Amino acid sequence: MSLWRRHPRVREEPRPVSSVEVLDSKLSDPTAPVEDVLTTFVLAAIDDFAAAEARLIDFEID
């Protein structure tokens, strides 16, 4: 018997949604307020920059 059948309340953790996915959903929604779209765009850019900076720092350390 599988563990899943013995424990039906056990479920997978939801996958975190990236800021790019949020931006994509807001851009495809014609009723989304412009302020929300712009804020999401800026946050996605900040996340992307931070990720690129972290990769650069890791590269310099190696």
PDB file of N, CA and C in Angstrom:
ATOM      1  N   MET A   1       0.855  -1.181   0.000  1.00  0.00           N
ATOM      2  CA  MET A   1       0.000   0.000   0.000  1.00  0.00           C
ATOM      3  C   MET A   1       0.901   1.244   0.000  1.00  0.00           C
ATOM      4  N   SER A   2       0.541   2.205  -0.800  1.00  0.00           N
ATOM      5  CA  SER A   2       1.384   3.396  -0.897  1.00  0.00           C
ATOM      6  C   SER A   2       1.153   4.325   0.289  1.00  0.00           C
ATOM      7  N   LEU A   3       2.148   5.119   0.560  1.00  0.00           N
ATOM      8  CA  LEU A   3       2.050   6.108   1.635  1.00  0.00           C
ATOM      9  C   LEU A   3       0.927   7.093   1.353  1.00  0.00           C
ATOM     10  N   TRP A   4       0.727   7.413   0.078  1.00  0.00           N
ATOM     11  CA  TRP A   4      -0.309   8.363  -0.308  1.00  0.00           C
ATOM     12  C   TRP A   4      -1.693   7.858   0.098  1.00  0.00           C
ATOM     13  N   ARG A   5      -1.932   6.561  -0.049  1.00  0.00           N
ATOM     14  CA  ARG A   5      -3.242   6.012   0.297  1.00  0.00           C
ATOM     15  C   ARG A   5      -3.444   5.966   1.802  1.00  0.00           C
ATOM     16  N   ARG A   6      -2.385   5.772   2.528  1.00  0.00           N
ATOM     17  CA  ARG A   6      -2.523   5.730   3.987  1.00  0.00           C
ATOM     18  C   ARG A   6      -2.702   7.118   4.579  1.00  0.00           C
ATOM     19  N   HIS A   7      -2.165   8.116   3.907  1.00  0.00           N
ATOM     20  CA  HIS A   7      -2.236   9.482   4.420  1.00  0.00           C
ATOM     21  C   HIS A   7      -2.803  10.407   3.343  1.00  0.00           C
ATOM     22  N   PRO A   8      -4.122  10.425   3.190  1.00  0.00           N
ATOM     23  CA  PRO A   8      -4.710  11.216   2.106  1.00  0.00           C
ATOM     24  C   PRO A   8      -4.558  12.728   2.305  1.00  0.00           C
ATOM     25  N   ARG A   9      -4.263  13.152   3.529  1.00  0.00           N
ATOM     26  CA  ARG A   9      -4.115  14.591   3.772  1.00  0.00           C
ATOM     27  C   ARG A   9      -2.756  15.121   3.342  1.00  0.00           C
ATOM     28  N   VAL A  10      -1.819  14.222   3.051  1.00  0.00           N
ATOM     29  CA  VAL A  10      -0.504  14.652   2.585  1.00  0.00           C
ATOM     30  C   VAL A  10      -0.640  15.086   1.135  1.00  0.00           C
ATOM     31  N   ARG A  11      -0.176  16.282   0.852  1.00  0.00           N
ATOM     32  CA  ARG A  11      -0.240  16.761  -0.525  1.00  0.00           C
ATOM     33  C   ARG A  11       1.032  17.517  -0.859  1.00  0.00           C
ATOM     34  N   GLU A  12       1.234  17.721  -2.120  1.00  0.00           N
ATOM     35  CA  GLU A  12       2.435  18.414  -2.556  1.00  0.00           C
ATOM     36  C   GLU A  12       2.347  19.893  -2.204  1.00  0.00           C
ATOM     37  N   GLU A  13       3.516  20.472  -1.932  1.00  0.00           N
ATOM     38  CA  GLU A  13       3.574  21.905  -1.682  1.00  0.00           C
ATOM     39  C   GLU A  13       3.321  22.646  -2.986  1.00  0.00           C
ATOM     40  N   PRO A  14       2.563  23.726  -2.925  1.00  0.00           N
ATOM     41  CA  PRO A  14       2.349  24.484  -4.157  1.00  0.00           C
ATOM     42  C   PRO A  14       3.642  25.124  -4.641  1.00  0.00           C
ATOM     43  N   ARG A  15       3.796  25.167  -5.947  1.00  0.00           N
ATOM     44  CA  ARG A  15       4.988  25.756  -6.552  1.00  0.00           C
ATOM     45  C   ARG A  15       4.899  27.269  -6.418  1.00  0.00           C
ATOM     46  N   PRO A  16       5.973  27.917  -5.976  1.00  0.00           N
ATOM     47  CA  PRO A  16       5.928  29.376  -5.876  1.00  0.00           C
ATOM     48  C   PRO A  16       5.758  29.998  -7.264  1.00  0.00           C
ATOM     49  N   VAL A  17       4.963  31.035  -7.313  1.00  0.00           N
ATOM     50  CA  VAL A  17       4.699  31.718  -8.574  1.00  0.00           C
ATOM     51  C   VAL A  17       5.744  32.808  -8.760  1.00  0.00           C
ATOM     52  N   SER A  18       6.373  32.810  -9.914  1.00  0.00           N
ATOM     53  CA  SER A  18       7.398  33.819 -10.175  1.00  0.00           C
ATOM     54  C   SER A  18       6.742  35.147 -10.513  1.00  0.00           C
ATOM     55  N   SER A  19       7.492  36.218 -10.330  1.00  0.00           N
ATOM     56  CA  SER A  19       6.963  37.543 -10.632  1.00  0.00           C
ATOM     57  C   SER A  19       6.691  37.699 -12.123  1.00  0.00           C
ATOM     58  N   VAL A  20       7.418  36.963 -12.950  1.00  0.00           N
ATOM     59  CA  VAL A  20       7.181  37.021 -14.396  1.00  0.00           C
ATOM     60  C   VAL A  20       5.833  36.389 -14.736  1.00  0.00           C
ATOM     61  N   GLU A  21       5.480  35.299 -14.049  1.00  0.00           N
ATOM     62  CA  GLU A  21       4.174  34.678 -14.274  1.00  0.00           C
ATOM     63  C   GLU A  21       3.049  35.603 -13.833  1.00  0.00           C
ATOM     64  N   VAL A  22       3.246  36.300 -12.719  1.00  0.00           N
ATOM     65  CA  VAL A  22       2.243  37.254 -12.252  1.00  0.00           C
ATOM     66  C   VAL A  22       2.101  38.384 -13.263  1.00  0.00           C
ATOM     67  N   LEU A  23       3.230  38.890 -13.751  1.00  0.00           N
ATOM     68  CA  LEU A  23       3.199  39.961 -14.750  1.00  0.00           C
ATOM     69  C   LEU A  23       2.482  39.492 -16.009  1.00  0.00           C
ATOM     70  N   ASP A  24       2.760  38.283 -16.448  1.00  0.00           N
ATOM     71  CA  ASP A  24       2.113  37.749 -17.644  1.00  0.00           C
ATOM     72  C   ASP A  24       0.605  37.672 -17.464  1.00  0.00           C
ATOM     73  N   SER A  25       0.159  37.235 -16.289  1.00  0.00           N
ATOM     74  CA  SER A  25      -1.282  37.141 -16.053  1.00  0.00           C
ATOM     75  C   SER A  25      -1.923  38.522 -16.001  1.00  0.00           C
ATOM     76  N   LYS A  26      -1.214  39.500 -15.436  1.00  0.00           N
ATOM     77  CA  LYS A  26      -1.771  40.860 -15.381  1.00  0.00           C
ATOM     78  C   LYS A  26      -1.810  41.499 -16.764  1.00  0.00           C
ATOM     79  N   LEU A  27      -0.786  41.240 -17.584  1.00  0.00           N
ATOM     80  CA  LEU A  27      -0.773  41.809 -18.932  1.00  0.00           C
ATOM     81  C   LEU A  27      -1.869  41.209 -19.807  1.00  0.00           C
ATOM     82  N   SER A  28      -2.226  39.959 -19.553  1.00  0.00           N
ATOM     83  CA  SER A  28      -3.273  39.324 -20.353  1.00  0.00           C
ATOM     84  C   SER A  28      -4.672  39.674 -19.858  1.00  0.00           C
ATOM     85  N   ASP A  29      -4.777  40.348 -18.716  1.00  0.00           N
ATOM     86  CA  ASP A  29      -6.073  40.749 -18.169  1.00  0.00           C
ATOM     87  C   ASP A  29      -6.364  42.191 -18.579  1.00  0.00           C
ATOM     88  N   PRO A  30      -7.328  42.409 -19.484  1.00  0.00           N
ATOM     89  CA  PRO A  30      -7.599  43.778 -19.942  1.00  0.00           C
ATOM     90  C   PRO A  30      -8.221  44.665 -18.867  1.00  0.00           C
ATOM     91  N   THR A  31      -8.730  44.067 -17.791  1.00  0.00           N
ATOM     92  CA  THR A  31      -9.353  44.870 -16.738  1.00  0.00           C
ATOM     93  C   THR A  31      -8.387  45.218 -15.612  1.00  0.00           C
ATOM     94  N   ALA A  32      -7.148  44.761 -15.706  1.00  0.00           N
ATOM     95  CA  ALA A  32      -6.164  45.038 -14.650  1.00  0.00           C
ATOM     96  C   ALA A  32      -5.817  46.525 -14.647  1.00  0.00           C
ATOM     97  N   PRO A  33      -5.822  47.149 -13.462  1.00  0.00           N
ATOM     98  CA  PRO A  33      -5.457  48.564 -13.388  1.00  0.00           C
ATOM     99  C   PRO A  33      -4.002  48.781 -13.817  1.00  0.00           C
ATOM    100  N   VAL A  34      -3.762  49.890 -14.477  1.00  0.00           N
ATOM    101  CA  VAL A  34      -2.425  50.201 -14.984  1.00  0.00           C
ATOM    102  C   VAL A  34      -1.412  50.238 -13.844  1.00  0.00           C
ATOM    103  N   GLU A  35      -1.802  50.771 -12.685  1.00  0.00           N
ATOM    104  CA  GLU A  35      -0.881  50.862 -11.549  1.00  0.00           C
ATOM    105  C   GLU A  35      -0.425  49.478 -11.108  1.00  0.00           C
ATOM    106  N   ASP A  36      -1.346  48.512 -11.092  1.00  0.00           N
ATOM    107  CA  ASP A  36      -0.986  47.145 -10.699  1.00  0.00           C
ATOM    108  C   ASP A  36      -0.011  46.528 -11.692  1.00  0.00           C
ATOM    109  N   VAL A  37      -0.259  46.758 -12.979  1.00  0.00           N
ATOM    110  CA  VAL A  37       0.613  46.199 -14.007  1.00  0.00           C
ATOM    111  C   VAL A  37       2.006  46.808 -13.898  1.00  0.00           C
ATOM    112  N   LEU A  38       2.076  48.127 -13.731  1.00  0.00           N
ATOM    113  CA  LEU A  38       3.380  48.788 -13.627  1.00  0.00           C
ATOM    114  C   LEU A  38       4.130  48.357 -12.369  1.00  0.00           C
ATOM    115  N   THR A  39       3.417  48.249 -11.255  1.00  0.00           N
ATOM    116  CA  THR A  39       4.049  47.804 -10.010  1.00  0.00           C
ATOM    117  C   THR A  39       4.590  46.387 -10.167  1.00  0.00           C
ATOM    118  N   THR A  40       3.801  45.520 -10.769  1.00  0.00           N
ATOM    119  CA  THR A  40       4.241  44.144 -10.988  1.00  0.00           C
ATOM    120  C   THR A  40       5.443  44.102 -11.919  1.00  0.00           C
ATOM    121  N   PHE A  41       5.443  44.966 -12.949  1.00  0.00           N
ATOM    122  CA  PHE A  41       6.573  45.028 -13.876  1.00  0.00           C
ATOM    123  C   PHE A  41       7.847  45.439 -13.145  1.00  0.00           C
ATOM    124  N   VAL A  42       7.749  46.444 -12.286  1.00  0.00           N
ATOM    125  CA  VAL A  42       8.923  46.911 -11.539  1.00  0.00           C
ATOM    126  C   VAL A  42       9.412  45.821 -10.590  1.00  0.00           C
ATOM    127  N   LEU A  43       8.494  45.158  -9.898  1.00  0.00           N
ATOM    128  CA  LEU A  43       8.894  44.087  -8.980  1.00  0.00           C
ATOM    129  C   LEU A  43       9.542  42.924  -9.735  1.00  0.00           C
ATOM    130  N   ALA A  44       9.030  42.605 -10.921  1.00  0.00           N
ATOM    131  CA  ALA A  44       9.636  41.539 -11.727  1.00  0.00           C
ATOM    132  C   ALA A  44      11.043  41.932 -12.156  1.00  0.00           C
ATOM    133  N   ALA A  45      11.221  43.200 -12.513  1.00  0.00           N
ATOM    134  CA  ALA A  45      12.555  43.669 -12.912  1.00  0.00           C
ATOM    135  C   ALA A  45      13.527  43.616 -11.741  1.00  0.00           C
ATOM    136  N   ILE A  46      13.065  43.987 -10.557  1.00  0.00           N
ATOM    137  CA  ILE A  46      13.920  43.943  -9.361  1.00  0.00           C
ATOM    138  C   ILE A  46      14.307  42.500  -9.048  1.00  0.00           C
ATOM    139  N   ASP A  47      13.330  41.582  -9.107  1.00  0.00           N
ATOM    140  CA  ASP A  47      13.618  40.165  -8.860  1.00  0.00           C
ATOM    141  C   ASP A  47      14.620  39.621  -9.868  1.00  0.00           C
ATOM    142  N   ASP A  48      14.439  39.987 -11.131  1.00  0.00           N
ATOM    143  CA  ASP A  48      15.341  39.523 -12.181  1.00  0.00           C
ATOM    144  C   ASP A  48      16.747  40.072 -11.966  1.00  0.00           C
ATOM    145  N   PHE A  49      16.852  41.335 -11.599  1.00  0.00           N
ATOM    146  CA  PHE A  49      18.154  41.943 -11.340  1.00  0.00           C
ATOM    147  C   PHE A  49      18.832  41.279 -10.144  1.00  0.00           C
ATOM    148  N   ALA A  50      18.061  41.037  -9.078  1.00  0.00           N
ATOM    149  CA  ALA A  50      18.628  40.407  -7.882  1.00  0.00           C
ATOM    150  C   ALA A  50      19.121  38.994  -8.196  1.00  0.00           C
ATOM    151  N   ALA A  51      18.369  38.266  -9.008  1.00  0.00           N
ATOM    152  CA  ALA A  51      18.791  36.912  -9.379  1.00  0.00           C
ATOM    153  C   ALA A  51      20.062  36.956 -10.222  1.00  0.00           C
ATOM    154  N   ALA A  52      20.129  37.904 -11.146  1.00  0.00           N
ATOM    155  CA  ALA A  52      21.330  38.032 -11.982  1.00  0.00           C
ATOM    156  C   ALA A  52      22.531  38.436 -11.139  1.00  0.00           C
ATOM    157  N   GLU A  53      22.313  39.321 -10.186  1.00  0.00           N
ATOM    158  CA  GLU A  53      23.400  39.754  -9.306  1.00  0.00           C
ATOM    159  C   GLU A  53      23.891  38.590  -8.453  1.00  0.00           C
ATOM    160  N   ALA A  54      22.966  37.770  -7.960  1.00  0.00           N
ATOM    161  CA  ALA A  54      23.352  36.608  -7.150  1.00  0.00           C
ATOM    162  C   ALA A  54      24.167  35.619  -7.981  1.00  0.00           C
ATOM    163  N   ARG A  55      23.775  35.418  -9.241  1.00  0.00           N
ATOM    164  CA  ARG A  55      24.549  34.523 -10.112  1.00  0.00           C
ATOM    165  C   ARG A  55      25.940  35.090 -10.362  1.00  0.00           C
ATOM    166  N   LEU A  56      26.041  36.397 -10.522  1.00  0.00           N
ATOM    167  CA  LEU A  56      27.332  37.032 -10.759  1.00  0.00           C
ATOM    168  C   LEU A  56      28.233  36.884  -9.536  1.00  0.00           C
ATOM    169  N   ILE A  57      27.672  37.079  -8.349  1.00  0.00           N
ATOM    170  CA  ILE A  57      28.453  36.937  -7.117  1.00  0.00           C
ATOM    171  C   ILE A  57      28.924  35.497  -6.970  1.00  0.00           C
ATOM    172  N   ASP A  58      28.040  34.524  -7.260  1.00  0.00           N
ATOM    173  CA  ASP A  58      28.439  33.113  -7.204  1.00  0.00           C
ATOM    174  C   ASP A  58      29.553  32.825  -8.195  1.00  0.00           C
ATOM    175  N   PHE A  59      29.492  33.428  -9.367  1.00  0.00           N
ATOM    176  CA  PHE A  59      30.514  33.225 -10.387  1.00  0.00           C
ATOM    177  C   PHE A  59      31.852  33.790  -9.929  1.00  0.00           C
ATOM    178  N   GLU A  60      31.827  34.959  -9.291  1.00  0.00           N
ATOM    179  CA  GLU A  60      33.068  35.578  -8.830  1.00  0.00           C
ATOM    180  C   GLU A  60      33.704  34.797  -7.693  1.00  0.00           C
ATOM    181  N   ILE A  61      32.901  34.176  -6.848  1.00  0.00           N
ATOM    182  CA  ILE A  61      33.428  33.410  -5.716  1.00  0.00           C
ATOM    183  C   ILE A  61      34.108  32.140  -6.208  1.00  0.00           C
ATOM    184  N   ASP A  62      33.517  31.489  -7.201  1.00  0.00           N
ATOM    185  CA  ASP A  62      34.092  30.243  -7.724  1.00  0.00           C
ATOM    186  C   ASP A  62      35.387  30.558  -8.398  1.00  0.00           C
TER     187      ASP A  62
END
